[in-house]
Protein backbone atom coordinates (compact mmCIF):
# COMPACT_ATOMS: atom_id res chain seq x y z
CA MET A 1 0.00 0.00 0.00
CA ASP A 2 2.79 2.35 0.78
CA ALA A 3 4.51 1.81 -2.55
CA SER A 4 1.26 2.32 -4.47
CA THR A 5 0.46 5.53 -2.64
CA GLN A 6 3.92 6.91 -3.29
CA SER A 7 3.64 6.10 -6.99
CA ASP A 8 0.25 7.80 -7.16
CA ARG A 9 1.68 10.92 -5.48
CA SER A 10 4.62 11.06 -7.90
CA ALA A 11 2.28 10.67 -10.87
CA SER A 12 0.02 13.44 -9.59
CA GLN A 13 3.04 15.71 -9.10
CA SER A 14 4.24 15.04 -12.64
CA GLN A 15 0.77 15.87 -13.98
CA THR A 16 0.65 19.12 -12.06
CA GLU A 17 4.06 20.10 -13.40
CA ASP A 18 2.82 19.61 -16.97
CA THR A 19 -0.23 21.85 -16.52
CA PRO A 20 0.08 25.43 -18.00
CA SER A 21 -0.78 26.99 -14.69
CA GLN A 22 2.59 25.88 -13.33
CA THR A 23 4.68 27.39 -16.14
CA SER A 24 5.05 30.74 -14.40
CA ARG A 25 8.50 31.94 -13.39
CA SER A 26 7.46 32.82 -9.86
CA THR A 27 5.59 30.05 -8.07
CA HIS A 28 4.33 32.43 -5.40
CA LEU A 29 2.27 34.49 -7.92
CA ARG A 30 -1.40 33.77 -8.31
CA VAL A 31 -3.12 33.49 -11.64
CA THR A 32 -5.08 36.70 -11.11
CA ASP A 33 -2.05 38.76 -10.10
CA PHE A 34 -1.37 41.68 -12.50
CA LEU A 35 -4.35 40.71 -14.64
CA PRO A 36 -5.62 43.84 -16.45
CA SER A 37 -9.10 45.20 -15.90
CA LYS A 38 -11.93 44.11 -18.13
CA PHE A 39 -12.44 45.63 -21.57
CA ASP A 40 -16.10 46.51 -22.27
CA GLY A 41 -15.85 46.42 -26.07
CA LYS A 42 -16.04 50.15 -26.91
CA VAL A 43 -14.45 50.98 -30.25
CA ASN A 44 -11.40 53.05 -29.35
CA THR A 45 -7.91 52.54 -30.70
CA ASP A 46 -6.06 53.86 -27.67
CA ILE A 47 -8.08 51.89 -25.15
CA ALA A 48 -7.77 48.67 -27.16
CA GLN A 49 -4.02 49.03 -27.53
CA ALA A 50 -3.65 49.89 -23.84
CA HIS A 51 -5.57 46.73 -22.95
CA LEU A 52 -3.32 44.60 -25.15
CA LEU A 53 -0.18 46.14 -23.64
CA GLY A 54 -1.44 45.42 -20.13
CA PHE A 55 -2.17 41.81 -21.06
CA GLN A 56 1.30 41.52 -22.64
CA ASP A 57 2.87 42.67 -19.37
CA TYR A 58 0.84 40.06 -17.52
CA LEU A 59 2.11 37.31 -19.81
CA GLU A 60 5.74 38.43 -19.37
CA ILE A 61 5.45 38.39 -15.58
CA HIS A 62 4.03 34.86 -15.59
CA GLY A 63 6.36 33.58 -18.34
CA LEU A 64 3.65 33.04 -20.96
CA GLU A 65 4.66 35.60 -23.61
CA ASN A 66 5.69 32.83 -26.05
CA PRO A 67 3.30 29.83 -25.97
CA ARG A 68 5.17 26.62 -26.82
CA ASP A 69 2.26 24.52 -28.02
CA GLN A 70 -1.47 24.60 -28.68
CA PRO A 71 -2.55 23.69 -25.10
CA GLN A 72 -0.51 26.58 -23.71
CA LEU A 73 -1.99 28.91 -26.39
CA ASP A 74 -5.50 27.79 -25.41
CA TYR A 75 -4.65 28.56 -21.79
CA VAL A 76 -3.49 32.08 -22.78
CA ILE A 77 -6.71 32.61 -24.75
CA GLN A 78 -8.74 31.56 -21.70
CA LEU A 79 -6.86 34.09 -19.59
CA PHE A 80 -7.52 36.80 -22.19
CA LYS A 81 -11.25 35.97 -22.14
CA ARG A 82 -11.29 36.78 -18.42
CA THR A 83 -10.22 40.35 -19.28
CA LEU A 84 -13.16 40.96 -21.65
CA ALA A 85 -16.76 41.92 -20.96
CA ASP A 86 -20.00 42.71 -22.75
CA THR A 87 -19.53 43.00 -26.53
CA ALA A 88 -15.89 41.94 -26.48
CA ARG A 89 -16.73 38.74 -24.56
CA LEU A 90 -19.42 37.81 -27.07
CA TRP A 91 -17.05 38.52 -29.97
CA ILE A 92 -14.20 36.26 -28.76
CA HIS A 93 -16.47 33.21 -28.29
CA SER A 94 -17.01 33.00 -32.05
CA GLN A 95 -13.34 33.43 -32.99
CA THR A 96 -10.50 30.98 -33.49
CA PHE A 97 -6.83 31.96 -33.34
CA THR A 98 -3.70 30.22 -34.59
CA SER A 99 -1.17 32.30 -32.66
CA LEU A 100 -0.84 35.07 -30.13
CA ASP A 101 -0.11 37.62 -32.87
CA ASP A 102 -3.26 36.51 -34.67
CA LEU A 103 -5.21 37.20 -31.47
CA LYS A 104 -3.76 40.71 -31.19
CA GLN A 105 -4.36 41.65 -34.83
CA ASN A 106 -7.96 40.46 -34.86
CA PHE A 107 -8.69 42.16 -31.57
CA LEU A 108 -7.34 45.51 -32.82
CA LYS A 109 -9.05 45.12 -36.17
CA ARG A 110 -12.39 44.73 -34.38
CA PHE A 111 -12.08 47.22 -31.53
CA GLY A 112 -9.10 49.36 -32.51
CA THR A 113 -10.86 51.71 -34.91
CA ASN A 114 -14.18 52.32 -36.54
CA ASN A 115 -12.70 53.21 -39.94
CA SER A 116 -12.88 50.99 -42.95
CA TYR A 117 -9.91 49.19 -44.43
CA TYR A 118 -9.48 51.74 -47.19
CA ALA A 119 -9.62 54.63 -44.72
CA GLN A 120 -6.91 52.97 -42.64
CA ARG A 121 -4.77 52.46 -45.73
CA ARG A 122 -5.13 56.10 -46.73
CA ALA A 123 -4.11 57.13 -43.22
CA PHE A 124 -1.05 54.88 -43.49
CA ASP A 125 -0.08 56.33 -46.86
CA LYS A 126 -0.37 59.89 -45.50
CA PHE A 127 1.71 59.10 -42.45
CA THR A 128 4.64 61.55 -42.06
CA TYR A 129 7.42 62.28 -39.62
CA GLN A 130 6.57 64.64 -36.76
CA THR A 131 9.29 67.16 -35.96
CA GLY A 132 10.93 66.45 -32.61
CA ASP A 133 10.16 62.71 -32.51
CA SER A 134 12.98 60.26 -32.02
CA ALA A 135 13.54 57.35 -34.39
CA HIS A 136 12.01 54.85 -31.94
CA VAL A 137 8.91 56.98 -31.39
CA HIS A 138 8.53 57.38 -35.14
CA LEU A 139 8.73 53.62 -35.64
CA SER A 140 6.17 52.94 -32.91
CA LYS A 141 3.71 55.35 -34.52
CA LEU A 142 4.29 53.72 -37.88
CA GLU A 143 3.71 50.23 -36.48
CA LYS A 144 0.58 51.47 -34.76
CA ALA A 145 -0.76 52.79 -38.08
CA ALA A 146 0.10 49.50 -39.83
CA MET A 147 -1.18 47.23 -37.08
CA THR A 148 -4.63 46.75 -38.59
CA LEU A 149 -3.24 46.32 -42.12
CA ASP A 150 -1.70 43.22 -43.64
CA TYR A 151 1.71 44.77 -44.27
CA SER A 152 4.97 42.87 -44.00
CA ARG A 153 8.10 44.01 -42.17
CA ASP A 154 9.74 44.94 -45.46
CA GLN A 155 6.89 47.29 -46.33
CA ILE A 156 7.08 48.89 -42.89
CA ARG A 157 10.85 49.22 -43.34
CA ASP A 158 10.45 50.98 -46.69
CA LYS A 159 7.78 53.27 -45.25
CA PHE A 160 10.05 54.12 -42.33
CA ILE A 161 12.84 55.19 -44.69
CA ASP A 162 10.49 57.20 -46.91
CA THR A 163 8.99 59.15 -44.01
CA LEU A 164 12.35 60.29 -42.56
CA PRO A 165 13.45 63.91 -43.08
CA PRO A 166 15.36 64.43 -46.37
CA ALA A 167 18.73 65.10 -44.74
CA CYS A 168 18.38 62.16 -42.36
CA ARG A 169 17.20 59.85 -45.15
CA SER A 170 20.21 60.74 -47.30
CA ALA A 171 22.62 60.13 -44.43
CA VAL A 172 21.04 56.79 -43.55
CA LEU A 173 20.93 55.49 -47.13
CA MET A 174 24.63 56.26 -47.58
CA THR A 175 25.58 53.95 -44.69
CA VAL A 176 23.19 51.00 -45.13
CA SER A 177 22.69 48.16 -47.56
CA PRO A 178 19.51 46.46 -48.81
CA GLU A 179 20.05 43.69 -46.25
CA THR A 180 20.06 46.08 -43.27
CA THR A 181 17.34 45.23 -40.78
CA LEU A 182 14.78 47.65 -39.43
CA PRO A 183 16.34 47.91 -35.92
CA ASP A 184 19.68 48.86 -37.49
CA LEU A 185 17.97 51.56 -39.55
CA VAL A 186 16.33 52.92 -36.42
CA ASP A 187 19.69 53.06 -34.62
CA LYS A 188 21.39 54.90 -37.50
CA ALA A 189 18.53 57.39 -37.76
CA GLN A 190 18.70 57.98 -34.01
CA CYS A 191 22.46 58.66 -34.26
CA TYR A 192 21.77 61.30 -36.89
CA PHE A 193 19.09 62.92 -34.72
CA ASP A 194 21.46 62.99 -31.74
CA LEU A 195 24.23 64.64 -33.76
CA ASN A 196 21.82 67.16 -35.24
CA ASP A 197 20.38 67.97 -31.82
CA GLY A 198 23.92 68.55 -30.51
CA ASN A 199 24.66 70.94 -33.35
CA VAL A 200 21.39 72.74 -32.77
CA VAL A 201 22.17 73.09 -29.06
CA LYS A 202 25.62 74.47 -29.88
CA GLN A 203 24.16 76.93 -32.37
CA GLN A 204 21.53 78.02 -29.87
CA SER A 205 24.16 78.52 -27.17
CA HIS A 206 26.30 80.50 -29.62
CA ASP A 207 23.35 82.67 -30.60
CA GLN A 208 22.47 83.18 -26.94
CA ALA A 209 26.04 84.27 -26.22
CA LEU A 210 25.91 86.74 -29.10
CA VAL A 211 22.60 88.13 -27.88
CA THR A 212 23.99 88.49 -24.35
CA GLN A 213 27.12 90.23 -25.63
CA GLN A 214 25.04 92.54 -27.80
CA SER A 215 22.82 93.46 -24.85
CA ASP A 216 25.92 94.16 -22.74
CA ASP A 217 27.37 96.37 -25.48
CA GLU A 218 24.11 98.28 -25.76
CA GLY A 219 24.11 98.83 -22.00
CA LYS A 220 27.68 100.15 -22.13
CA ILE A 221 26.82 102.47 -25.01
CA GLN A 222 23.81 103.85 -23.15
CA SER A 223 25.90 104.44 -20.02
CA LEU A 224 28.55 106.26 -22.09
CA CYS A 225 25.91 108.43 -23.75
CA SER A 226 24.42 109.38 -20.39
CA ARG A 227 27.90 110.16 -19.08
CA LEU A 228 28.62 112.41 -22.09
CA GLU A 229 25.35 114.28 -21.53
CA GLU A 230 26.28 114.86 -17.89
CA LEU A 231 29.71 116.16 -18.89
CA GLU A 232 28.19 118.53 -21.47
CA THR A 233 25.78 119.86 -18.86
CA ASN A 234 28.61 120.42 -16.37
CA VAL A 235 30.75 122.21 -18.98
CA LYS A 236 27.88 124.53 -19.92
CA GLY A 237 27.26 125.34 -16.26
CA ARG A 238 30.92 126.11 -15.69
CA LYS A 239 31.05 128.40 -18.74
CA SER A 240 28.05 130.38 -17.56
CA GLU A 241 29.54 130.71 -14.07
CA SER A 242 32.89 131.90 -15.47
CA GLN A 243 31.17 134.52 -17.64
CA THR A 244 29.16 135.78 -14.68
CA THR A 245 32.28 135.98 -12.52
CA SER A 246 34.29 137.83 -15.19
CA ASN A 247 31.52 140.42 -15.70
CA ARG A 248 31.32 141.23 -12.02
CA GLY A 249 34.64 143.18 -11.95
CA ARG A 250 33.88 145.25 -15.04
CA SER A 251 32.35 148.71 -14.99
CA THR A 252 28.87 149.42 -16.24
CA HIS A 253 29.89 150.78 -19.65
CA ARG A 254 32.37 147.92 -20.31
CA SER A 255 30.26 144.98 -19.28
CA VAL A 256 28.50 142.91 -21.89
CA ARG A 257 24.99 144.17 -22.44
CA PRO A 258 22.17 142.27 -24.06
CA ARG A 259 21.26 143.29 -27.52
CA GLU A 260 18.25 145.57 -27.52
CA PRO A 261 15.57 145.26 -30.18
CA ARG A 262 15.72 147.85 -32.94
CA ASN A 263 13.20 150.64 -32.73
CA ARG A 264 11.15 150.44 -35.92
CA SER A 265 9.56 153.86 -35.51
CA PHE A 266 12.44 155.39 -37.52
CA THR A 267 11.94 155.10 -41.23
CA GLN A 268 15.57 155.97 -41.98
CA ARG A 269 18.67 155.24 -39.98
CA PRO A 270 20.77 158.41 -39.28
CA HIS A 271 24.22 158.60 -40.78
CA ARG A 272 27.07 158.37 -38.34
CA GLN A 273 28.54 161.72 -39.55
CA ASP A 274 25.21 163.50 -39.33
CA LEU A 275 25.73 165.91 -36.39
CA SER A 276 22.06 166.83 -36.11
CA PHE A 277 21.63 163.84 -33.86
CA PRO A 278 23.42 164.48 -30.58
CA PRO A 279 25.33 161.57 -29.01
CA PRO A 280 23.57 159.74 -26.18
CA GLN A 281 24.04 160.92 -22.65
CA GLN A 282 26.66 158.98 -20.77
CA ALA A 283 27.52 158.70 -17.13
CA LEU A 284 30.24 160.88 -15.71
CA LEU A 285 33.67 159.34 -15.98
CA PRO A 286 35.95 161.04 -13.46
CA ASN A 287 39.13 159.45 -14.81
CA VAL A 288 38.47 160.28 -18.49
CA LYS A 289 39.76 163.47 -20.11
CA CYS A 290 38.43 165.05 -23.32
CA PHE A 291 41.08 165.81 -25.95
CA LEU A 292 38.91 168.59 -27.46
CA CYS A 293 38.00 170.77 -24.50
CA GLY A 294 40.42 169.36 -21.94
CA ASN A 295 37.72 168.76 -19.32
CA LEU A 296 37.37 165.64 -17.24
CA GLY A 297 34.33 163.42 -17.21
CA HIS A 298 33.67 162.66 -20.90
CA TYR A 299 35.24 161.58 -24.16
CA GLN A 300 35.92 163.68 -27.23
CA ARG A 301 33.05 162.15 -29.18
CA SER A 302 30.57 163.29 -26.53
CA CYS A 303 32.04 166.78 -26.07
CA ASN A 304 29.65 169.71 -26.31
CA LEU A 305 31.92 171.44 -28.82
CA ASN A 306 30.92 168.88 -31.42
CA ARG A 307 27.27 169.91 -31.25
CA PRO A 308 26.06 172.60 -33.69
CA ASN A 309 24.20 174.59 -31.04
CA ASP A 310 27.17 174.80 -28.67
CA ARG A 311 29.86 175.25 -31.33
CA LEU A 312 31.66 178.65 -31.49
CA GLN A 313 30.49 181.21 -33.99
CA PRO A 314 32.68 181.76 -37.03
CA ASP A 315 33.25 185.39 -35.98
CA LEU A 316 36.95 185.53 -35.31
CA ASP A 317 36.67 188.77 -33.34
CA SER A 318 34.56 187.05 -30.73
CA TYR A 319 37.19 184.33 -30.46
CA VAL A 320 39.89 186.87 -29.70
CA THR A 321 37.88 189.03 -27.31
CA THR A 322 35.85 186.31 -25.54
CA PRO A 323 37.72 183.08 -25.37
CA GLN A 324 36.01 180.06 -23.85
CA SER A 325 36.83 179.53 -20.24
CA THR A 326 37.98 176.08 -19.25
CA ASN A 327 39.46 174.52 -16.20
CA TYR A 328 42.35 173.08 -18.14
CA GLN A 329 45.80 174.41 -17.28
CA PRO A 330 48.10 174.02 -20.29
CA ASP A 331 51.79 173.35 -20.09
CA ARG A 332 54.44 175.87 -21.06
CA ASN A 333 55.40 174.14 -24.26
CA SER A 334 51.83 173.55 -25.44
CA ARG A 335 49.34 175.92 -26.94
CA SER A 336 46.32 177.15 -25.02
CA SER A 337 43.03 175.34 -25.12
CA TYR A 338 41.59 178.26 -27.06
CA GLU A 339 44.14 177.90 -29.83
CA GLN A 340 43.55 174.16 -29.93
CA SER A 341 39.80 174.60 -30.19
CA GLN A 342 40.23 177.36 -32.79
CA HIS A 343 42.51 175.22 -34.89
CA TYR A 344 40.18 172.24 -34.57
CA SER A 345 37.12 174.33 -35.53
CA GLN A 346 38.79 175.77 -38.62
CA HIS A 347 39.97 172.36 -39.71
CA ARG A 348 36.56 170.89 -39.00
CA TYR A 349 34.55 173.45 -40.94
CA ARG A 350 36.94 174.02 -43.78
CA GLY A 351 35.05 174.06 -47.03
CA ARG A 352 31.60 174.65 -45.53
CA ARG A 353 29.37 177.29 -47.13
CA SER A 354 28.48 178.90 -43.79
CA PHE A 355 32.02 180.38 -43.43
CA ARG A 356 32.74 183.78 -44.81
CA THR A 357 35.81 184.57 -46.82
CA PRO A 358 38.83 184.99 -44.50
CA THR A 359 40.14 188.53 -44.22
CA SER A 360 43.62 189.93 -43.84
CA ARG A 361 43.08 189.95 -40.13
CA ASP A 362 42.40 186.26 -40.13
CA GLN A 363 45.51 185.64 -42.10
CA ALA A 364 47.50 187.79 -39.69
CA PHE A 365 46.11 185.78 -36.80
CA ARG A 366 47.26 182.64 -38.41
């Protein structure tokens, strides 16, 4: 009895080892661990693909990503049925699958999109590269667009090359051969993107440095301009102060006077030699001596002897009998002020019509 019971136990253990439930890598995991939530059958490409990715992770954790035989594939299909509900559960009961890839393609074809086959093909033909995507991201988008279509890996490879940017496509085609696989193409395209991104970063840093230097130069120029304006203002202030200080020590008649506006009541400007206009009255100058009359306090041009009303009469007798009295005391070697005034008057009025013809007495006086 003991031998028979031991043989039965060993046989039962061998049977349990052959069952698919025991093919997991971790014996402590349960069958329901990491099983994705149920899919309700709504037509949505993103939700359907997310459900497939979650189920793929579950298979990898339990060591069932590559079924070895048909019983193990049936076990995987049974597990996938547990993740479906409503319309999706009804759909899978009427389907038969030859492989795990066949299960994925049929599932996405039914619930991945609501477009027709021709609409999906047009979308695949119009697929282009999005600026900023890496080579791996570009390939994943391309495979997603071709998932519901019956395209081979060679067709996806050719489409991947055609959708690359022109510069990247030229660089990749120069370094590959027709036998190059799709992963190698992706790696070469990614190397080109990395190099190009490095050059772009260098160019951006160089441009940023130029902009920073230009802004610094502009700031220096503005500071210099403001400094020049301050210096000009200080120089103007110093000039005005120096002019004011220099004018303080000058007398009234020598200081700089502002220009007065011209009086427009006169229709004709008087000639400078016209003696009918008397010279303007000036202040007394105690240290100034007139060379005409010899008196102190005025210049020769403002002397009263130059005025017609105060000038001596041409009667020579009156000059001899009544000479003009002055306060000037002549020297011994110089002539009297009367003789000087007489000589000046004769020289001044020589040739005028108002003089009479000189007599013998005048000539004797001379």
